[in-house]
Structure formats: structure tokens, C-alpha cells
Amino acid sequence: NNNNNNNNQGQQGEDVSNQRLKAMENNRAQENAKLRDEMNRDMQQMEVKLMELKRKKEDETRRKLKLNEDRRQREMLVEENRLKEDKKKREAEAQRKADRE
């Protein structure tokens, strides 16, 4: 009978140990799931930030290209006007020469 009690107590001890082990594994699994969720959330936030940075960089690139194109257009107009003025001066000088002769 004493042997039976010892066996029962041993079995109960094993059951408690198994329950504790299962509880620890369950807690660990819950913690891991929680960490995975946090990591996924962080990754999504980083992806959103990365997309925003890429969009801003593309906007800035487009803005710079437009500025450069505008500057080039202005320079071409200035040069065109300078050439027209030079031509007028030459024509006026030629007219003055013709008038003197």
C-alpha cells in the first residue's frame, strides 16, 4: 500500500511537472507570437517610411530636373535676345555707314 502511495505521488509529481512544462511552452509560444507580431508591425512601418522616402526623393529629383530645364530655357532666351541685339547693332552700324557714303 505504501508502495502504491509512492507511485501515485510520483505520478502526480510527473503530472505537475508536465503541466508546468506545458505552461512554460505555452507562455514561450505566446511570447514568440507577440514578438513576431511586433516585428511584422515594425517591418510594415519601415516599409511605409521607405516608400515615403523614395517618393520624396523622386519628387526632389523631378523638381531639380524642372529647375535645370527652366534655367536652360532662360539661358537660351537670354542668348537669343543677345544675338538679336547684336544683329540690330550691326544692321544699324551698316546703315550709318551707308548713310555716310
C-alpha atoms as a PDB file:
ATOM      1  CA  ASN A   1       0.000   0.000   0.000  1.00  0.00           C
ATOM      2  CA  ASN A   2       2.825   2.344   0.856  1.00  0.00           C
ATOM      3  CA  ASN A   3       4.378   1.447  -2.473  1.00  0.00           C
ATOM      4  CA  ASN A   4       1.123   2.362  -4.200  1.00  0.00           C
ATOM      5  CA  ASN A   5       1.065   5.770  -2.491  1.00  0.00           C
ATOM      6  CA  ASN A   6       4.635   6.407  -3.563  1.00  0.00           C
ATOM      7  CA  ASN A   7       3.731   5.504  -7.140  1.00  0.00           C
ATOM      8  CA  ASN A   8       0.693   7.801  -7.023  1.00  0.00           C
ATOM      9  CA  GLN A   9       2.743  10.647  -5.591  1.00  0.00           C
ATOM     10  CA  GLY A  10       5.412  10.054  -8.206  1.00  0.00           C
ATOM     11  CA  GLN A  11       2.794  10.096 -10.947  1.00  0.00           C
ATOM     12  CA  GLN A  12       1.234  13.272  -9.525  1.00  0.00           C
ATOM     13  CA  GLY A  13       4.667  14.884  -9.385  1.00  0.00           C
ATOM     14  CA  GLU A  14       5.243  13.990 -13.016  1.00  0.00           C
ATOM     15  CA  ASP A  15       1.815  15.362 -13.948  1.00  0.00           C
ATOM     16  CA  VAL A  16       2.591  18.645 -12.175  1.00  0.00           C
ATOM     17  CA  SER A  17       5.986  18.809 -13.880  1.00  0.00           C
ATOM     18  CA  ASN A  18       4.383  18.130 -17.244  1.00  0.00           C
ATOM     19  CA  GLN A  19       1.743  20.776 -16.591  1.00  0.00           C
ATOM     20  CA  ARG A  20       4.411  23.297 -15.649  1.00  0.00           C
ATOM     21  CA  LEU A  21       6.429  22.374 -18.714  1.00  0.00           C
ATOM     22  CA  LYS A  22       3.379  22.747 -20.953  1.00  0.00           C
ATOM     23  CA  ALA A  23       2.545  26.085 -19.304  1.00  0.00           C
ATOM     24  CA  MET A  24       6.102  27.304 -19.884  1.00  0.00           C
ATOM     25  CA  GLU A  25       5.998  26.159 -23.514  1.00  0.00           C
ATOM     26  CA  ASN A  26       2.629  27.838 -23.964  1.00  0.00           C
ATOM     27  CA  ASN A  27       3.952  31.082 -22.443  1.00  0.00           C
ATOM     28  CA  ARG A  28       7.023  30.907 -24.659  1.00  0.00           C
ATOM     29  CA  ALA A  29       4.844  30.325 -27.741  1.00  0.00           C
ATOM     30  CA  GLN A  30       2.646  33.292 -26.793  1.00  0.00           C
ATOM     31  CA  GLU A  31       5.707  35.489 -26.267  1.00  0.00           C
ATOM     32  CA  ASN A  32       7.128  34.394 -29.618  1.00  0.00           C
ATOM     33  CA  ALA A  33       3.821  35.142 -31.350  1.00  0.00           C
ATOM     34  CA  LYS A  34       3.737  38.553 -29.670  1.00  0.00           C
ATOM     35  CA  LEU A  35       7.311  39.280 -30.772  1.00  0.00           C
ATOM     36  CA  ARG A  36       6.524  38.142 -34.334  1.00  0.00           C
ATOM     37  CA  ASP A  37       3.511  40.464 -34.405  1.00  0.00           C
ATOM     38  CA  GLU A  38       5.633  43.371 -33.153  1.00  0.00           C
ATOM     39  CA  MET A  39       8.351  42.623 -35.713  1.00  0.00           C
ATOM     40  CA  ASN A  40       5.791  42.436 -38.523  1.00  0.00           C
ATOM     41  CA  ARG A  41       4.275  45.729 -37.407  1.00  0.00           C
ATOM     42  CA  ASP A  42       7.729  47.330 -37.260  1.00  0.00           C
ATOM     43  CA  MET A  43       8.581  45.991 -40.719  1.00  0.00           C
ATOM     44  CA  GLN A  44       5.344  47.380 -42.147  1.00  0.00           C
ATOM     45  CA  GLN A  45       6.068  50.772 -40.576  1.00  0.00           C
ATOM     46  CA  MET A  46       9.602  50.734 -42.008  1.00  0.00           C
ATOM     47  CA  GLU A  47       8.264  49.796 -45.444  1.00  0.00           C
ATOM     48  CA  VAL A  48       5.820  52.716 -45.296  1.00  0.00           C
ATOM     49  CA  LYS A  49       8.646  55.059 -44.269  1.00  0.00           C
ATOM     50  CA  LEU A  50      10.879  53.703 -47.037  1.00  0.00           C
ATOM     51  CA  MET A  51       8.152  54.242 -49.650  1.00  0.00           C
ATOM     52  CA  GLU A  52       7.657  57.794 -48.352  1.00  0.00           C
ATOM     53  CA  LEU A  53      11.399  58.472 -48.576  1.00  0.00           C
ATOM     54  CA  LYS A  54      11.509  57.084 -52.124  1.00  0.00           C
ATOM     55  CA  ARG A  55       8.539  59.246 -53.102  1.00  0.00           C
ATOM     56  CA  LYS A  56      10.184  62.338 -51.606  1.00  0.00           C
ATOM     57  CA  LYS A  57      13.445  61.561 -53.407  1.00  0.00           C
ATOM     58  CA  GLU A  58      11.595  61.129 -56.718  1.00  0.00           C
ATOM     59  CA  ASP A  59       9.745  64.418 -56.130  1.00  0.00           C
ATOM     60  CA  GLU A  60      13.034  66.167 -55.373  1.00  0.00           C
ATOM     61  CA  THR A  61      14.651  64.679 -58.489  1.00  0.00           C
ATOM     62  CA  ARG A  62      11.732  65.852 -60.634  1.00  0.00           C
ATOM     63  CA  ARG A  63      11.900  69.314 -59.032  1.00  0.00           C
ATOM     64  CA  LYS A  64      15.642  69.578 -59.745  1.00  0.00           C
ATOM     65  CA  LEU A  65      15.184  68.422 -63.336  1.00  0.00           C
ATOM     66  CA  LYS A  66      12.467  71.037 -63.824  1.00  0.00           C
ATOM     67  CA  LEU A  67      14.672  73.751 -62.307  1.00  0.00           C
ATOM     68  CA  ASN A  68      17.538  72.770 -64.603  1.00  0.00           C
ATOM     69  CA  GLU A  69      15.232  72.752 -67.639  1.00  0.00           C
ATOM     70  CA  ASP A  70      13.812  76.153 -66.673  1.00  0.00           C
ATOM     71  CA  ARG A  71      17.332  77.552 -66.227  1.00  0.00           C
ATOM     72  CA  ARG A  72      18.371  76.135 -69.605  1.00  0.00           C
ATOM     73  CA  GLN A  73      15.321  77.704 -71.261  1.00  0.00           C
ATOM     74  CA  ARG A  74      16.107  81.098 -69.666  1.00  0.00           C
ATOM     75  CA  GLU A  75      19.734  80.882 -70.790  1.00  0.00           C
ATOM     76  CA  MET A  76      18.609  80.079 -74.323  1.00  0.00           C
ATOM     77  CA  LEU A  77      16.234  83.081 -74.327  1.00  0.00           C
ATOM     78  CA  VAL A  78      18.958  85.368 -72.992  1.00  0.00           C
ATOM     79  CA  GLU A  79      21.370  84.158 -75.664  1.00  0.00           C
ATOM     80  CA  GLU A  80      18.701  84.526 -78.363  1.00  0.00           C
ATOM     81  CA  ASN A  81      17.989  88.096 -77.240  1.00  0.00           C
ATOM     82  CA  ARG A  82      21.700  88.927 -77.129  1.00  0.00           C
ATOM     83  CA  LEU A  83      22.108  87.639 -80.684  1.00  0.00           C
ATOM     84  CA  LYS A  84      19.131  89.735 -81.839  1.00  0.00           C
ATOM     85  CA  GLU A  85      20.593  92.840 -80.180  1.00  0.00           C
ATOM     86  CA  ASP A  86      23.988  92.196 -81.780  1.00  0.00           C
ATOM     87  CA  LYS A  87      22.314  91.809 -85.181  1.00  0.00           C
ATOM     88  CA  LYS A  88      20.397  95.092 -84.705  1.00  0.00           C
ATOM     89  CA  LYS A  89      23.613  96.878 -83.747  1.00  0.00           C
ATOM     90  CA  ARG A  90      25.408  95.519 -86.821  1.00  0.00           C
ATOM     91  CA  GLU A  91      22.494  96.498 -89.056  1.00  0.00           C
ATOM     92  CA  ALA A  92      22.354  99.987 -87.527  1.00  0.00           C
ATOM     93  CA  GLU A  93      26.121 100.358 -87.968  1.00  0.00           C
ATOM     94  CA  ALA A  94      25.855  99.201 -91.585  1.00  0.00           C
ATOM     95  CA  GLN A  95      23.014 101.693 -92.153  1.00  0.00           C
ATOM     96  CA  ARG A  96      25.104 104.538 -90.679  1.00  0.00           C
ATOM     97  CA  LYS A  97      27.997 103.605 -92.964  1.00  0.00           C
ATOM     98  CA  ALA A  98      25.662 103.529 -95.952  1.00  0.00           C
ATOM     99  CA  ASP A  99      24.232 106.925 -94.989  1.00  0.00           C
ATOM    100  CA  ARG A 100      27.731 108.460 -94.789  1.00  0.00           C
ATOM    101  CA  GLU A 101      28.702 107.239 -98.221  1.00  0.00           C
END
